[in-house]
Amino acid sequence: MKWLKRLVNPLMALIGIQVVWGLLVFFWITWFVGRHKEFRELAERYRPELLGRGFDWAVLVEGIVLLVIILVGVYVIFIYWRRQSNLNLEQKDFISQATHELKSPLASIKLHLETIRLRKPPPDKLERFLDTMLVDIDRLDNLTSNILMVAKLEQRRRASQYPVVDFSALVTRYMDQQRHVLPEGGNVILDIEKGISAAIDVEGMETVLRNLFENAILYSIGAPEIRVALKRQANRCILSFQDNGKGIDRKDLNNVFRKFYRIRSSGEAIRGTGLGLWIVKSVVKEHAGTVTAMSAGTGKGTTFTISLTLPRRKGGTP
């Protein structure tokens, strides 16, 4: 029944509790003042020595404080209830999206394999089929890697110290490897300062780069143009990842790193699970770094900036 669903809605429940609490305080004060007046009248008639000099505010305040404590407890319960409700909805959406992300490439691979088996396509068409299937396999591999990375991050098994690697070479090598998967007309522009070494979990940082790269392609408007820069600033290195995509509205900037959070627009069906940017933030946090998102608004692209502390060289300089 609709009225029952509205009644058990968390927001309606909180409003109802607030109303009940207000009425309870009102009747408590009314009852207390009335009883206090009766007590004074009786005391004046039979035992005047029991009367104090004024109104007994302490008892009234104690009762109101008790009711406030009860209200605060209810409000805290409401907050956690609302968070759990939102998390359940996001998890359901994730399961739906992950199922779609798994089934789509599997269906494509199956279709191509059945076509190859039944029709024996010529070499040129067979080559295109193989390229498509490899793209679908990469898509499946990336999805499973993200899910495994989530499990790894949630276990909080952070290494005491990551090995120092050539971060400049890692970023350059990885981005060069991704050029072949760019859509037609797409471009990657690198501005990497050489010789920057940092304490890095290579697998985790490659996952960060992959998710930012995929995000830039998925939300691109036309041919994507991706600019990746790595610079040294004092005792830190700054990695910026800029795209020319849809951009992010100001109200969404603080939420894009939440687990399962996805920016949705009517009429769009952009694939994804809502895990990519959460993984980015979690991996960077494991490196004791920070990541921020900046956008001038919808249709004006997005820049993700990662800041990491550089290890100290011999002599005390970074």
Protein backbone atom coordinates (compact mmCIF):
# COMPACT_ATOMS: atom_id res chain seq x y z
CA MET A 1 0.00 0.00 0.00
CA LYS A 2 1.32 3.42 -1.01
CA TRP A 3 0.42 5.19 2.23
CA LEU A 4 2.31 2.54 4.23
CA LYS A 5 5.42 2.91 2.06
CA ARG A 6 5.34 6.67 2.57
CA LEU A 7 4.97 6.16 6.30
CA VAL A 8 8.08 3.96 6.58
CA ASN A 9 10.13 6.29 4.38
CA PRO A 10 13.16 7.45 6.46
CA LEU A 11 12.48 11.13 5.84
CA MET A 12 8.79 10.84 6.74
CA ALA A 13 9.73 8.85 9.81
CA LEU A 14 12.14 11.58 10.96
CA ILE A 15 9.52 14.30 10.41
CA GLY A 16 7.00 12.24 12.38
CA ILE A 17 9.47 11.80 15.23
CA GLN A 18 10.18 15.54 15.25
CA VAL A 19 6.46 16.30 15.50
CA VAL A 20 5.98 13.75 18.29
CA TRP A 21 9.03 15.12 20.10
CA GLY A 22 7.73 18.70 19.85
CA LEU A 23 4.34 17.67 21.21
CA LEU A 24 6.00 15.67 23.96
CA VAL A 25 8.09 18.68 25.06
CA PHE A 26 5.02 20.93 24.96
CA PHE A 27 2.92 18.58 27.09
CA TRP A 28 5.86 17.95 29.43
CA ILE A 29 6.30 21.67 30.10
CA THR A 30 2.53 22.19 30.42
CA TRP A 31 2.20 19.26 32.81
CA PHE A 32 5.23 20.32 34.85
CA VAL A 33 4.12 23.93 35.20
CA GLY A 34 0.60 22.83 36.13
CA ARG A 35 1.77 20.31 38.73
CA HIS A 36 4.24 22.82 40.13
CA LYS A 37 1.46 25.38 40.53
CA GLU A 38 -0.75 22.84 42.30
CA PHE A 39 2.12 21.89 44.60
CA ARG A 40 2.73 25.51 45.57
CA GLU A 41 -0.94 26.06 46.30
CA LEU A 42 -1.04 23.01 48.58
CA ALA A 43 2.22 23.98 50.25
CA GLU A 44 1.03 27.52 50.87
CA ARG A 45 -2.09 26.13 52.52
CA TYR A 46 -0.59 23.35 54.66
CA ARG A 47 3.25 23.53 54.77
CA PRO A 48 4.56 26.98 53.79
CA GLU A 49 8.07 26.05 54.97
CA LEU A 50 8.43 23.62 52.01
CA LEU A 51 8.29 26.43 49.50
CA GLY A 52 11.48 27.61 47.86
CA ARG A 53 12.13 31.09 46.70
CA GLY A 54 11.28 30.54 43.03
CA PHE A 55 10.36 28.22 40.27
CA ASP A 56 12.15 24.82 40.31
CA TRP A 57 13.93 25.19 36.95
CA ALA A 58 16.41 22.36 37.59
CA VAL A 59 13.81 19.59 37.29
CA LEU A 60 12.29 21.17 34.19
CA VAL A 61 15.71 21.51 32.51
CA GLU A 62 16.65 17.93 33.40
CA GLY A 63 13.50 16.64 31.71
CA ILE A 64 14.08 18.72 28.58
CA VAL A 65 17.75 17.64 28.40
CA LEU A 66 16.66 14.00 28.61
CA LEU A 67 14.22 14.51 25.74
CA VAL A 68 16.93 16.27 23.68
CA ILE A 69 19.29 13.33 24.24
CA ILE A 70 16.58 10.96 23.01
CA LEU A 71 16.03 13.15 19.93
CA VAL A 72 19.78 13.24 19.15
CA GLY A 73 19.90 9.45 19.39
CA VAL A 74 16.97 9.15 16.99
CA TYR A 75 18.63 11.58 14.57
CA VAL A 76 21.91 9.62 14.61
CA ILE A 77 19.99 6.41 13.94
CA PHE A 78 18.22 8.18 11.06
CA ILE A 79 21.54 9.27 9.50
CA TYR A 80 22.92 5.74 9.55
CA TRP A 81 19.60 4.36 8.31
CA ARG A 82 19.64 6.79 5.38
CA ARG A 83 23.24 5.97 4.53
CA GLN A 84 22.53 2.25 4.60
CA SER A 85 19.46 2.75 2.42
CA ASN A 86 21.47 4.73 -0.15
CA LEU A 87 24.26 2.15 -0.07
CA ASN A 88 21.79 -0.66 -0.72
CA LEU A 89 20.40 1.20 -3.74
CA GLU A 90 23.90 1.87 -5.07
CA GLN A 91 24.89 -1.78 -4.62
CA LYS A 92 21.80 -2.93 -6.51
CA ASP A 93 22.67 -0.54 -9.32
CA PHE A 94 26.27 -1.80 -9.29
CA ILE A 95 25.14 -5.42 -9.59
CA SER A 96 22.93 -4.47 -12.53
CA GLN A 97 25.71 -2.53 -14.25
CA ALA A 98 28.38 -5.18 -13.56
CA THR A 99 26.11 -7.90 -14.95
CA HIS A 100 25.61 -5.83 -18.11
CA GLU A 101 29.35 -5.15 -18.34
CA LEU A 102 30.02 -8.90 -18.15
CA LYS A 103 27.30 -10.07 -20.49
CA SER A 104 27.85 -7.56 -23.32
CA PRO A 105 31.45 -8.52 -24.22
CA LEU A 106 30.73 -12.21 -23.62
CA ALA A 107 27.79 -12.07 -26.02
CA SER A 108 29.96 -10.26 -28.59
CA ILE A 109 32.77 -12.82 -28.31
CA LYS A 110 30.32 -15.70 -28.58
CA LEU A 111 28.67 -14.19 -31.66
CA HIS A 112 32.00 -13.67 -33.43
CA LEU A 113 33.21 -17.16 -32.59
CA GLU A 114 29.98 -18.72 -33.88
CA THR A 115 30.26 -16.66 -37.07
CA ILE A 116 33.85 -17.81 -37.59
CA ARG A 117 32.88 -21.42 -37.01
CA LEU A 118 29.84 -21.45 -39.30
CA ARG A 119 30.84 -19.13 -42.14
CA LYS A 120 34.63 -19.36 -42.33
CA PRO A 121 35.16 -15.65 -43.07
CA PRO A 122 37.98 -14.45 -45.35
CA PRO A 123 41.29 -13.43 -43.75
CA ASP A 124 40.57 -9.67 -43.73
CA LYS A 125 37.21 -10.10 -42.02
CA LEU A 126 38.67 -12.70 -39.65
CA GLU A 127 41.31 -10.15 -38.64
CA ARG A 128 38.60 -7.61 -37.78
CA PHE A 129 36.71 -10.23 -35.79
CA LEU A 130 39.86 -11.05 -33.81
CA ASP A 131 40.51 -7.35 -33.10
CA THR A 132 36.95 -6.92 -31.82
CA MET A 133 37.21 -9.98 -29.61
CA LEU A 134 40.53 -8.77 -28.16
CA VAL A 135 38.91 -5.43 -27.30
CA ASP A 136 36.06 -7.28 -25.57
CA ILE A 137 38.55 -9.45 -23.67
CA ASP A 138 40.40 -6.32 -22.53
CA ARG A 139 37.08 -4.91 -21.35
CA LEU A 140 36.42 -8.05 -19.30
CA ASP A 141 39.96 -8.01 -17.96
CA ASN A 142 39.66 -4.38 -16.86
CA LEU A 143 36.35 -5.06 -15.10
CA THR A 144 37.69 -8.06 -13.18
CA SER A 145 40.86 -6.11 -12.33
CA ASN A 146 38.76 -3.31 -10.86
CA ILE A 147 36.71 -5.72 -8.76
CA LEU A 148 39.85 -7.47 -7.50
CA MET A 149 41.44 -4.10 -6.72
CA VAL A 150 38.36 -3.09 -4.70
CA ALA A 151 38.66 -6.27 -2.64
CA LYS A 152 42.36 -5.65 -2.12
CA LEU A 153 41.83 -2.04 -1.04
CA GLU A 154 39.04 -2.94 1.37
CA GLN A 155 41.32 -5.41 3.13
CA ARG A 156 43.57 -2.46 3.98
CA ARG A 157 46.75 -4.46 3.58
CA ARG A 158 48.97 -1.52 2.86
CA ALA A 159 52.62 -2.24 2.28
CA SER A 160 54.90 -0.68 4.88
CA GLN A 161 57.00 0.83 2.09
CA TYR A 162 56.60 0.73 -1.68
CA PRO A 163 59.69 0.37 -3.87
CA VAL A 164 61.10 3.53 -5.44
CA VAL A 165 60.60 3.37 -9.21
CA ASP A 166 61.05 5.71 -12.16
CA PHE A 167 57.57 7.26 -12.11
CA SER A 168 58.26 9.29 -15.26
CA ALA A 169 59.09 6.15 -17.24
CA LEU A 170 56.09 4.28 -15.81
CA VAL A 171 53.59 6.97 -16.87
CA THR A 172 55.20 7.39 -20.32
CA ARG A 173 55.33 3.67 -21.00
CA TYR A 174 51.75 3.02 -19.91
CA MET A 175 50.22 5.91 -21.86
CA ASP A 176 52.16 4.98 -25.01
CA GLN A 177 50.77 1.44 -24.74
CA GLN A 178 47.21 2.79 -24.67
CA ARG A 179 47.44 4.83 -27.86
CA HIS A 180 46.25 1.91 -30.01
CA VAL A 181 42.90 1.70 -28.19
CA LEU A 182 42.03 5.35 -28.78
CA PRO A 183 38.95 5.96 -30.95
CA GLU A 184 39.59 7.28 -34.44
CA GLY A 185 40.92 10.84 -34.28
CA GLY A 186 41.84 10.56 -30.60
CA ASN A 187 45.17 11.78 -29.29
CA VAL A 188 47.32 11.55 -26.16
CA ILE A 189 49.66 14.46 -25.43
CA LEU A 190 52.41 13.79 -22.89
CA ASP A 191 54.35 16.40 -20.94
CA ILE A 192 56.46 14.29 -18.63
CA GLU A 193 59.44 15.63 -16.73
CA LYS A 194 62.13 12.98 -16.85
CA GLY A 195 63.88 11.47 -13.87
CA ILE A 196 61.08 11.69 -11.30
CA SER A 197 61.30 8.71 -8.95
CA ALA A 198 58.65 7.91 -6.35
CA ALA A 199 57.65 5.13 -3.96
CA ILE A 200 55.00 3.46 -6.09
CA ASP A 201 52.92 0.30 -6.14
CA VAL A 202 53.22 -0.29 -9.88
CA GLU A 203 50.06 -2.40 -10.19
CA GLY A 204 48.00 0.09 -8.22
CA MET A 205 49.29 3.14 -10.11
CA GLU A 206 48.71 1.47 -13.48
CA THR A 207 45.14 0.83 -12.32
CA VAL A 208 44.83 4.54 -11.55
CA LEU A 209 46.08 5.49 -15.02
CA ARG A 210 43.82 2.93 -16.68
CA ASN A 211 40.70 4.17 -14.91
CA LEU A 212 41.45 7.82 -15.69
CA PHE A 213 42.17 6.91 -19.32
CA GLU A 214 38.95 4.89 -19.69
CA ASN A 215 36.96 7.64 -17.97
CA ALA A 216 38.30 10.21 -20.44
CA ILE A 217 37.29 8.04 -23.41
CA LEU A 218 33.85 7.11 -22.09
CA TYR A 219 32.88 10.72 -21.37
CA SER A 220 34.54 12.27 -24.41
CA ILE A 221 32.66 14.45 -26.86
CA GLY A 222 33.81 13.27 -30.28
CA ALA A 223 37.48 12.34 -30.63
CA PRO A 224 39.12 12.42 -27.18
CA GLU A 225 42.19 14.57 -26.58
CA ILE A 226 43.97 13.59 -23.39
CA ARG A 227 46.80 15.62 -21.89
CA VAL A 228 48.96 13.94 -19.25
CA ALA A 229 51.60 15.96 -17.41
CA LEU A 230 54.00 14.99 -14.62
CA LYS A 231 56.03 17.71 -12.90
CA ARG A 232 58.15 18.09 -9.81
CA GLN A 233 57.09 20.74 -7.26
CA ALA A 234 59.39 21.06 -4.25
CA ASN A 235 59.16 17.77 -2.37
CA ARG A 236 56.14 16.51 -4.33
CA CYS A 237 55.30 15.38 -7.83
CA ILE A 238 52.09 16.48 -9.55
CA LEU A 239 50.40 14.22 -12.10
CA SER A 240 47.59 15.90 -14.03
CA PHE A 241 45.19 14.11 -16.35
CA GLN A 242 43.13 16.46 -18.53
CA ASP A 243 40.44 15.54 -21.06
CA ASN A 244 38.13 17.43 -23.40
CA GLY A 245 35.05 15.45 -22.40
CA LYS A 246 31.64 16.27 -20.99
CA GLY A 247 32.99 17.91 -17.87
CA ILE A 248 31.48 17.70 -14.39
CA ASP A 249 28.87 19.95 -12.90
CA ARG A 250 29.97 21.74 -9.74
CA LYS A 251 27.40 19.91 -7.59
CA ASP A 252 28.91 16.55 -8.59
CA LEU A 253 32.59 17.38 -8.02
CA ASN A 254 32.50 16.37 -4.35
CA ASN A 255 30.74 13.08 -5.11
CA VAL A 256 32.62 11.63 -8.09
CA PHE A 257 35.08 9.75 -5.85
CA ARG A 258 32.31 7.99 -3.89
CA LYS A 259 31.98 4.26 -4.36
CA PHE A 260 29.26 3.33 -6.92
CA TYR A 261 28.57 7.01 -7.70
CA ARG A 262 27.88 7.72 -11.37
CA ILE A 263 26.92 10.93 -13.15
CA ARG A 264 23.77 10.26 -15.11
CA SER A 265 22.15 12.29 -17.86
CA SER A 266 18.80 11.59 -19.44
CA GLY A 267 19.00 9.69 -22.71
CA GLU A 268 22.58 8.47 -22.10
CA ALA A 269 23.70 4.90 -21.57
CA ILE A 270 27.39 5.22 -20.70
CA ARG A 271 28.77 1.94 -19.44
CA GLY A 272 30.54 1.70 -16.10
CA THR A 273 30.18 0.44 -12.55
CA GLY A 274 30.93 3.52 -10.45
CA LEU A 275 34.14 1.99 -9.08
CA GLY A 276 36.81 3.63 -11.23
CA LEU A 277 37.27 6.97 -9.49
CA TRP A 278 36.78 5.41 -6.05
CA ILE A 279 39.69 3.09 -6.87
CA VAL A 280 41.73 6.09 -8.04
CA LYS A 281 41.20 7.93 -4.76
CA SER A 282 41.77 4.82 -2.64
CA VAL A 283 45.04 3.88 -4.36
CA VAL A 284 46.34 7.46 -4.14
CA LYS A 285 45.36 7.55 -0.47
CA GLU A 286 47.31 4.32 0.11
CA HIS A 287 50.33 6.21 -1.27
CA ALA A 288 49.67 9.03 1.26
CA GLY A 289 48.77 11.31 -1.66
CA THR A 290 45.78 13.40 -2.68
CA VAL A 291 43.60 13.54 -5.79
CA THR A 292 41.23 16.29 -6.86
CA ALA A 293 38.84 16.84 -9.75
CA MET A 294 38.36 20.21 -11.44
CA SER A 295 35.99 21.20 -14.22
CA ALA A 296 34.82 24.51 -15.62
CA GLY A 297 31.40 22.95 -16.08
CA THR A 298 29.39 20.74 -18.39
CA GLY A 299 30.98 20.33 -21.81
CA LYS A 300 34.32 21.87 -20.77
CA GLY A 301 36.35 18.81 -19.86
CA THR A 302 37.80 17.64 -16.56
CA THR A 303 41.24 17.69 -14.99
CA PHE A 304 42.25 15.15 -12.33
CA THR A 305 45.30 16.13 -10.30
CA ILE A 306 47.29 13.66 -8.20
CA SER A 307 49.90 14.85 -5.71
CA LEU A 308 52.47 12.44 -4.23
CA THR A 309 55.33 13.00 -1.80
CA LEU A 310 58.75 12.27 -3.28
CA PRO A 311 61.26 10.15 -1.35
CA ARG A 312 64.28 11.95 0.04
CA ARG A 313 67.54 11.47 -1.75
CA LYS A 314 70.88 11.07 -0.06
CA GLY A 315 71.78 14.37 1.52
CA GLY A 316 68.21 15.09 2.63
CA THR A 317 66.82 16.58 -0.60
CA PRO A 318 63.76 15.09 -2.38
